Amino acid sequence: MLVFTFVPYADHAPLHVARELARRTGTPYIEVWPEGLQGQLGSHMNLPSARRFVSALLDRLFADAAVRSHLNLDGIEGQRR
């Protein structure tokens, strides 16, 4: 399964390319923008920001209906009940 994601740098062309590719292909696209991310060494996120970003990304990824279906997450959770 292919899922497009984008690290939050809104003014760069790859964001718009990823959105358009997702729209044209029907590929799930996960975009997260946690508030207050901080950089280190130029454009790189510092560790606390990277953790917040990955946590938000994974929350959105596993909430996406196409991803849940592909991974059979609803079936697995239903078996646990």
PDB file of N, CA and C in Angstrom:
ATOM      1  N   MET A   1       0.844  -1.180   0.000  1.00  0.00           N
ATOM      2  CA  MET A   1       0.000   0.000   0.000  1.00  0.00           C
ATOM      3  C   MET A   1       0.881   1.231   0.000  1.00  0.00           C
ATOM      4  N   LEU A   2       0.466   2.238  -0.717  1.00  0.00           N
ATOM      5  CA  LEU A   2       1.196   3.490  -0.782  1.00  0.00           C
ATOM      6  C   LEU A   2       0.373   4.573  -0.104  1.00  0.00           C
ATOM      7  N   VAL A   3       1.023   5.326   0.776  1.00  0.00           N
ATOM      8  CA  VAL A   3       0.393   6.467   1.431  1.00  0.00           C
ATOM      9  C   VAL A   3       1.337   7.638   1.288  1.00  0.00           C
ATOM     10  N   PHE A   4       0.837   8.752   0.771  1.00  0.00           N
ATOM     11  CA  PHE A   4       1.646   9.962   0.684  1.00  0.00           C
ATOM     12  C   PHE A   4       1.622  10.686   2.019  1.00  0.00           C
ATOM     13  N   THR A   5       2.771  11.185   2.429  1.00  0.00           N
ATOM     14  CA  THR A   5       2.853  12.046   3.609  1.00  0.00           C
ATOM     15  C   THR A   5       3.713  13.241   3.243  1.00  0.00           C
ATOM     16  N   PHE A   6       3.654  14.268   4.070  1.00  0.00           N
ATOM     17  CA  PHE A   6       4.463  15.437   3.807  1.00  0.00           C
ATOM     18  C   PHE A   6       4.869  16.094   5.106  1.00  0.00           C
ATOM     19  N   VAL A   7       6.152  16.302   5.264  1.00  0.00           N
ATOM     20  CA  VAL A   7       6.663  17.033   6.428  1.00  0.00           C
ATOM     21  C   VAL A   7       6.299  18.495   6.238  1.00  0.00           C
ATOM     22  N   PRO A   8       5.832  19.164   7.276  1.00  0.00           N
ATOM     23  CA  PRO A   8       5.225  20.484   7.134  1.00  0.00           C
ATOM     24  C   PRO A   8       6.156  21.630   6.751  1.00  0.00           C
ATOM     25  N   TYR A   9       6.324  21.814   5.476  1.00  0.00           N
ATOM     26  CA  TYR A   9       6.989  22.994   4.919  1.00  0.00           C
ATOM     27  C   TYR A   9       6.082  23.496   3.811  1.00  0.00           C
ATOM     28  N   ALA A  10       5.037  24.234   4.180  1.00  0.00           N
ATOM     29  CA  ALA A  10       3.924  24.557   3.276  1.00  0.00           C
ATOM     30  C   ALA A  10       4.321  25.361   2.051  1.00  0.00           C
ATOM     31  N   ASP A  11       5.368  26.133   2.115  1.00  0.00           N
ATOM     32  CA  ASP A  11       5.671  26.991   0.986  1.00  0.00           C
ATOM     33  C   ASP A  11       6.529  26.302  -0.065  1.00  0.00           C
ATOM     34  N   HIS A  12       6.706  25.032   0.026  1.00  0.00           N
ATOM     35  CA  HIS A  12       7.519  24.319  -0.953  1.00  0.00           C
ATOM     36  C   HIS A  12       6.643  23.552  -1.933  1.00  0.00           C
ATOM     37  N   ALA A  13       7.067  23.485  -3.151  1.00  0.00           N
ATOM     38  CA  ALA A  13       6.308  22.832  -4.216  1.00  0.00           C
ATOM     39  C   ALA A  13       5.984  21.363  -3.936  1.00  0.00           C
ATOM     40  N   PRO A  14       6.837  20.583  -3.263  1.00  0.00           N
ATOM     41  CA  PRO A  14       6.487  19.169  -3.047  1.00  0.00           C
ATOM     42  C   PRO A  14       5.150  18.969  -2.331  1.00  0.00           C
ATOM     43  N   LEU A  15       4.769  19.892  -1.476  1.00  0.00           N
ATOM     44  CA  LEU A  15       3.471  19.782  -0.807  1.00  0.00           C
ATOM     45  C   LEU A  15       2.354  19.764  -1.841  1.00  0.00           C
ATOM     46  N   HIS A  16       2.418  20.683  -2.779  1.00  0.00           N
ATOM     47  CA  HIS A  16       1.371  20.781  -3.789  1.00  0.00           C
ATOM     48  C   HIS A  16       1.413  19.598  -4.749  1.00  0.00           C
ATOM     49  N   VAL A  17       2.619  19.112  -5.047  1.00  0.00           N
ATOM     50  CA  VAL A  17       2.766  17.938  -5.909  1.00  0.00           C
ATOM     51  C   VAL A  17       2.181  16.706  -5.215  1.00  0.00           C
ATOM     52  N   ALA A  18       2.481  16.516  -3.940  1.00  0.00           N
ATOM     53  CA  ALA A  18       1.955  15.364  -3.203  1.00  0.00           C
ATOM     54  C   ALA A  18       0.437  15.409  -3.135  1.00  0.00           C
ATOM     55  N   ARG A  19      -0.125  16.576  -2.859  1.00  0.00           N
ATOM     56  CA  ARG A  19      -1.588  16.704  -2.824  1.00  0.00           C
ATOM     57  C   ARG A  19      -2.206  16.340  -4.176  1.00  0.00           C
ATOM     58  N   GLU A  20      -1.625  16.847  -5.236  1.00  0.00           N
ATOM     59  CA  GLU A  20      -2.177  16.589  -6.566  1.00  0.00           C
ATOM     60  C   GLU A  20      -2.023  15.125  -6.962  1.00  0.00           C
ATOM     61  N   LEU A  21      -0.886  14.516  -6.661  1.00  0.00           N
ATOM     62  CA  LEU A  21      -0.702  13.090  -6.948  1.00  0.00           C
ATOM     63  C   LEU A  21      -1.724  12.246  -6.198  1.00  0.00           C
ATOM     64  N   ALA A  22      -1.939  12.586  -4.945  1.00  0.00           N
ATOM     65  CA  ALA A  22      -2.924  11.850  -4.148  1.00  0.00           C
ATOM     66  C   ALA A  22      -4.319  12.002  -4.756  1.00  0.00           C
ATOM     67  N   ARG A  23      -4.655  13.217  -5.152  1.00  0.00           N
ATOM     68  CA  ARG A  23      -5.971  13.468  -5.731  1.00  0.00           C
ATOM     69  C   ARG A  23      -6.147  12.687  -7.027  1.00  0.00           C
ATOM     70  N   ARG A  24      -5.142  12.709  -7.876  1.00  0.00           N
ATOM     71  CA  ARG A  24      -5.256  12.048  -9.186  1.00  0.00           C
ATOM     72  C   ARG A  24      -5.229  10.527  -9.099  1.00  0.00           C
ATOM     73  N   THR A  25      -4.509   9.990  -8.142  1.00  0.00           N
ATOM     74  CA  THR A  25      -4.360   8.536  -8.049  1.00  0.00           C
ATOM     75  C   THR A  25      -5.310   7.888  -7.050  1.00  0.00           C
ATOM     76  N   GLY A  26      -5.951   8.698  -6.204  1.00  0.00           N
ATOM     77  CA  GLY A  26      -6.804   8.132  -5.169  1.00  0.00           C
ATOM     78  C   GLY A  26      -6.001   7.529  -4.025  1.00  0.00           C
ATOM     79  N   THR A  27      -4.725   7.867  -3.974  1.00  0.00           N
ATOM     80  CA  THR A  27      -3.846   7.372  -2.919  1.00  0.00           C
ATOM     81  C   THR A  27      -4.119   8.117  -1.615  1.00  0.00           C
ATOM     82  N   PRO A  28      -4.234   7.411  -0.485  1.00  0.00           N
ATOM     83  CA  PRO A  28      -4.420   8.135   0.771  1.00  0.00           C
ATOM     84  C   PRO A  28      -3.290   9.147   0.985  1.00  0.00           C
ATOM     85  N   TYR A  29      -3.660  10.290   1.487  1.00  0.00           N
ATOM     86  CA  TYR A  29      -2.691  11.363   1.728  1.00  0.00           C
ATOM     87  C   TYR A  29      -2.884  11.864   3.144  1.00  0.00           C
ATOM     88  N   ILE A  30      -1.834  11.809   3.924  1.00  0.00           N
ATOM     89  CA  ILE A  30      -1.879  12.219   5.325  1.00  0.00           C
ATOM     90  C   ILE A  30      -1.055  13.488   5.469  1.00  0.00           C
ATOM     91  N   GLU A  31      -1.695  14.528   5.952  1.00  0.00           N
ATOM     92  CA  GLU A  31      -1.007  15.801   6.151  1.00  0.00           C
ATOM     93  C   GLU A  31      -1.255  16.240   7.593  1.00  0.00           C
ATOM     94  N   VAL A  32      -0.199  16.437   8.340  1.00  0.00           N
ATOM     95  CA  VAL A  32      -0.340  16.888   9.722  1.00  0.00           C
ATOM     96  C   VAL A  32       0.487  18.150   9.924  1.00  0.00           C
ATOM     97  N   TRP A  33      -0.028  19.043  10.734  1.00  0.00           N
ATOM     98  CA  TRP A  33       0.623  20.326  10.999  1.00  0.00           C
ATOM     99  C   TRP A  33       0.561  20.639  12.489  1.00  0.00           C
ATOM    100  N   PRO A  34       1.296  19.909  13.328  1.00  0.00           N
ATOM    101  CA  PRO A  34       1.287  20.241  14.755  1.00  0.00           C
ATOM    102  C   PRO A  34       1.765  21.676  14.969  1.00  0.00           C
ATOM    103  N   GLU A  35       1.123  22.359  15.884  1.00  0.00           N
ATOM    104  CA  GLU A  35       1.511  23.739  16.192  1.00  0.00           C
ATOM    105  C   GLU A  35       2.826  23.776  16.958  1.00  0.00           C
ATOM    106  N   GLY A  36       3.603  24.811  16.702  1.00  0.00           N
ATOM    107  CA  GLY A  36       4.789  25.082  17.498  1.00  0.00           C
ATOM    108  C   GLY A  36       5.988  24.194  17.254  1.00  0.00           C
ATOM    109  N   LEU A  37       6.093  23.589  16.072  1.00  0.00           N
ATOM    110  CA  LEU A  37       7.285  22.791  15.797  1.00  0.00           C
ATOM    111  C   LEU A  37       8.495  23.707  15.763  1.00  0.00           C
ATOM    112  N   GLN A  38       9.610  23.222  16.276  1.00  0.00           N
ATOM    113  CA  GLN A  38      10.819  24.028  16.341  1.00  0.00           C
ATOM    114  C   GLN A  38      11.937  23.355  15.560  1.00  0.00           C
ATOM    115  N   GLY A  39      12.766  24.177  14.962  1.00  0.00           N
ATOM    116  CA  GLY A  39      13.855  23.666  14.158  1.00  0.00           C
ATOM    117  C   GLY A  39      15.168  23.587  14.907  1.00  0.00           C
ATOM    118  N   GLN A  40      16.055  22.850  14.315  1.00  0.00           N
ATOM    119  CA  GLN A  40      17.421  22.723  14.800  1.00  0.00           C
ATOM    120  C   GLN A  40      18.279  22.496  13.568  1.00  0.00           C
ATOM    121  N   LEU A  41      19.397  23.127  13.481  1.00  0.00           N
ATOM    122  CA  LEU A  41      20.282  22.975  12.323  1.00  0.00           C
ATOM    123  C   LEU A  41      19.565  23.328  11.022  1.00  0.00           C
ATOM    124  N   GLY A  42      19.015  24.497  10.973  1.00  0.00           N
ATOM    125  CA  GLY A  42      18.342  24.938   9.750  1.00  0.00           C
ATOM    126  C   GLY A  42      16.943  24.396   9.654  1.00  0.00           C
ATOM    127  N   SER A  43      16.697  23.561   8.656  1.00  0.00           N
ATOM    128  CA  SER A  43      15.340  23.095   8.398  1.00  0.00           C
ATOM    129  C   SER A  43      14.970  21.817   9.151  1.00  0.00           C
ATOM    130  N   HIS A  44      15.855  21.266   9.913  1.00  0.00           N
ATOM    131  CA  HIS A  44      15.566  20.018  10.629  1.00  0.00           C
ATOM    132  C   HIS A  44      14.836  20.305  11.935  1.00  0.00           C
ATOM    133  N   MET A  45      13.852  19.459  12.252  1.00  0.00           N
ATOM    134  CA  MET A  45      13.137  19.602  13.521  1.00  0.00           C
ATOM    135  C   MET A  45      14.020  19.137  14.663  1.00  0.00           C
ATOM    136  N   ASN A  46      13.819  19.762  15.817  1.00  0.00           N
ATOM    137  CA  ASN A  46      14.510  19.261  16.999  1.00  0.00           C
ATOM    138  C   ASN A  46      13.785  17.993  17.481  1.00  0.00           C
ATOM    139  N   LEU A  47      14.369  17.296  18.431  1.00  0.00           N
ATOM    140  CA  LEU A  47      13.832  16.003  18.861  1.00  0.00           C
ATOM    141  C   LEU A  47      12.403  16.100  19.408  1.00  0.00           C
ATOM    142  N   PRO A  48      12.095  17.037  20.319  1.00  0.00           N
ATOM    143  CA  PRO A  48      10.712  17.106  20.801  1.00  0.00           C
ATOM    144  C   PRO A  48       9.704  17.368  19.667  1.00  0.00           C
ATOM    145  N   SER A  49      10.075  18.227  18.725  1.00  0.00           N
ATOM    146  CA  SER A  49       9.179  18.511  17.606  1.00  0.00           C
ATOM    147  C   SER A  49       9.023  17.288  16.705  1.00  0.00           C
ATOM    148  N   ALA A  50      10.103  16.588  16.454  1.00  0.00           N
ATOM    149  CA  ALA A  50      10.036  15.386  15.622  1.00  0.00           C
ATOM    150  C   ALA A  50       9.136  14.336  16.277  1.00  0.00           C
ATOM    151  N   ARG A  51       9.224  14.197  17.576  1.00  0.00           N
ATOM    152  CA  ARG A  51       8.362  13.241  18.282  1.00  0.00           C
ATOM    153  C   ARG A  51       6.895  13.636  18.160  1.00  0.00           C
ATOM    154  N   ARG A  52       6.602  14.923  18.322  1.00  0.00           N
ATOM    155  CA  ARG A  52       5.227  15.397  18.194  1.00  0.00           C
ATOM    156  C   ARG A  52       4.711  15.183  16.776  1.00  0.00           C
ATOM    157  N   PHE A  53       5.572  15.461  15.792  1.00  0.00           N
ATOM    158  CA  PHE A  53       5.164  15.289  14.406  1.00  0.00           C
ATOM    159  C   PHE A  53       4.871  13.818  14.106  1.00  0.00           C
ATOM    160  N   VAL A  54       5.772  12.918  14.481  1.00  0.00           N
ATOM    161  CA  VAL A  54       5.577  11.489  14.193  1.00  0.00           C
ATOM    162  C   VAL A  54       4.346  10.955  14.924  1.00  0.00           C
ATOM    163  N   SER A  55       4.137  11.379  16.142  1.00  0.00           N
ATOM    164  CA  SER A  55       2.959  10.945  16.892  1.00  0.00           C
ATOM    165  C   SER A  55       1.676  11.389  16.186  1.00  0.00           C
ATOM    166  N   ALA A  56       1.631  12.647  15.763  1.00  0.00           N
ATOM    167  CA  ALA A  56       0.455  13.162  15.058  1.00  0.00           C
ATOM    168  C   ALA A  56       0.273  12.447  13.719  1.00  0.00           C
ATOM    169  N   LEU A  57       1.380  12.192  13.033  1.00  0.00           N
ATOM    170  CA  LEU A  57       1.327  11.500  11.745  1.00  0.00           C
ATOM    171  C   LEU A  57       0.768  10.093  11.903  1.00  0.00           C
ATOM    172  N   LEU A  58       1.268   9.356  12.874  1.00  0.00           N
ATOM    173  CA  LEU A  58       0.801   7.984  13.074  1.00  0.00           C
ATOM    174  C   LEU A  58      -0.652   7.951  13.511  1.00  0.00           C
ATOM    175  N   ASP A  59      -1.074   8.903  14.363  1.00  0.00           N
ATOM    176  CA  ASP A  59      -2.482   8.977  14.758  1.00  0.00           C
ATOM    177  C   ASP A  59      -3.373   9.144  13.530  1.00  0.00           C
ATOM    178  N   ARG A  60      -2.998  10.058  12.642  1.00  0.00           N
ATOM    179  CA  ARG A  60      -3.781  10.304  11.430  1.00  0.00           C
ATOM    180  C   ARG A  60      -3.701   9.113  10.481  1.00  0.00           C
ATOM    181  N   LEU A  61      -2.529   8.510  10.368  1.00  0.00           N
ATOM    182  CA  LEU A  61      -2.350   7.373   9.470  1.00  0.00           C
ATOM    183  C   LEU A  61      -3.272   6.230   9.858  1.00  0.00           C
ATOM    184  N   PHE A  62      -3.272   5.870  11.135  1.00  0.00           N
ATOM    185  CA  PHE A  62      -4.076   4.740  11.580  1.00  0.00           C
ATOM    186  C   PHE A  62      -5.553   5.072  11.729  1.00  0.00           C
ATOM    187  N   ALA A  63      -5.919   6.343  11.607  1.00  0.00           N
ATOM    188  CA  ALA A  63      -7.328   6.741  11.609  1.00  0.00           C
ATOM    189  C   ALA A  63      -7.910   6.740  10.194  1.00  0.00           C
ATOM    190  N   ASP A  64      -7.064   6.732   9.177  1.00  0.00           N
ATOM    191  CA  ASP A  64      -7.522   6.781   7.787  1.00  0.00           C
ATOM    192  C   ASP A  64      -8.241   5.474   7.431  1.00  0.00           C
ATOM    193  N   ALA A  65      -9.432   5.595   6.862  1.00  0.00           N
ATOM    194  CA  ALA A  65     -10.251   4.415   6.561  1.00  0.00           C
ATOM    195  C   ALA A  65      -9.560   3.455   5.593  1.00  0.00           C
ATOM    196  N   ALA A  66      -8.879   3.986   4.570  1.00  0.00           N
ATOM    197  CA  ALA A  66      -8.211   3.115   3.594  1.00  0.00           C
ATOM    198  C   ALA A  66      -7.057   2.354   4.239  1.00  0.00           C
ATOM    199  N   VAL A  67      -6.325   3.012   5.103  1.00  0.00           N
ATOM    200  CA  VAL A  67      -5.210   2.362   5.801  1.00  0.00           C
ATOM    201  C   VAL A  67      -5.744   1.300   6.751  1.00  0.00           C
ATOM    202  N   ARG A  68      -6.786   1.642   7.499  1.00  0.00           N
ATOM    203  CA  ARG A  68      -7.369   0.677   8.442  1.00  0.00           C
ATOM    204  C   ARG A  68      -7.868  -0.565   7.700  1.00  0.00           C
ATOM    205  N   SER A  69      -8.500  -0.346   6.565  1.00  0.00           N
ATOM    206  CA  SER A  69      -9.010  -1.461   5.785  1.00  0.00           C
ATOM    207  C   SER A  69      -7.869  -2.325   5.248  1.00  0.00           C
ATOM    208  N   HIS A  70      -6.853  -1.671   4.682  1.00  0.00           N
ATOM    209  CA  HIS A  70      -5.723  -2.403   4.113  1.00  0.00           C
ATOM    210  C   HIS A  70      -5.003  -3.243   5.173  1.00  0.00           C
ATOM    211  N   LEU A  71      -4.867  -2.692   6.360  1.00  0.00           N
ATOM    212  CA  LEU A  71      -4.176  -3.400   7.444  1.00  0.00           C
ATOM    213  C   LEU A  71      -5.116  -4.292   8.254  1.00  0.00           C
ATOM    214  N   ASN A  72      -6.397  -4.289   7.889  1.00  0.00           N
ATOM    215  CA  ASN A  72      -7.413  -5.061   8.600  1.00  0.00           C
ATOM    216  C   ASN A  72      -7.444  -4.716  10.089  1.00  0.00           C
ATOM    217  N   LEU A  73      -7.257  -3.460  10.404  1.00  0.00           N
ATOM    218  CA  LEU A  73      -7.227  -3.048  11.806  1.00  0.00           C
ATOM    219  C   LEU A  73      -8.584  -3.190  12.474  1.00  0.00           C
ATOM    220  N   ASP A  74      -9.654  -2.910  11.760  1.00  0.00           N
ATOM    221  CA  ASP A  74     -10.974  -3.042  12.364  1.00  0.00           C
ATOM    222  C   ASP A  74     -11.290  -4.495  12.661  1.00  0.00           C
ATOM    223  N   GLY A  75     -10.863  -5.402  11.776  1.00  0.00           N
ATOM    224  CA  GLY A  75     -11.072  -6.833  12.004  1.00  0.00           C
ATOM    225  C   GLY A  75     -10.290  -7.335  13.200  1.00  0.00           C
ATOM    226  N   ILE A  76      -9.061  -6.857  13.349  1.00  0.00           N
ATOM    227  CA  ILE A  76      -8.220  -7.262  14.485  1.00  0.00           C
ATOM    228  C   ILE A  76      -8.794  -6.736  15.776  1.00  0.00           C
ATOM    229  N   GLU A  77      -9.208  -5.463  15.814  1.00  0.00           N
ATOM    230  CA  GLU A  77      -9.775  -4.882  17.024  1.00  0.00           C
ATOM    231  C   GLU A  77     -11.100  -5.553  17.369  1.00  0.00           C
ATOM    232  N   GLY A  78     -11.882  -5.914  16.349  1.00  0.00           N
ATOM    233  CA  GLY A  78     -13.143  -6.603  16.592  1.00  0.00           C
ATOM    234  C   GLY A  78     -12.930  -7.963  17.230  1.00  0.00           C
ATOM    235  N   GLN A  79     -11.823  -8.640  16.880  1.00  0.00           N
ATOM    236  CA  GLN A  79     -11.517  -9.943  17.460  1.00  0.00           C
ATOM    237  C   GLN A  79     -11.110  -9.828  18.917  1.00  0.00           C
ATOM    238  N   ARG A  80     -10.581  -8.684  19.327  1.00  0.00           N
ATOM    239  CA  ARG A  80     -10.134  -8.498  20.713  1.00  0.00           C
ATOM    240  C   ARG A  80     -11.297  -8.312  21.666  1.00  0.00           C
ATOM    241  N   ARG A  81     -12.441  -7.858  21.147  1.00  0.00           N
ATOM    242  CA  ARG A  81     -13.594  -7.548  22.019  1.00  0.00           C
ATOM    243  C   ARG A  81     -14.251  -8.775  22.526  1.00  0.00           C
TER     244      ARG A  81
END
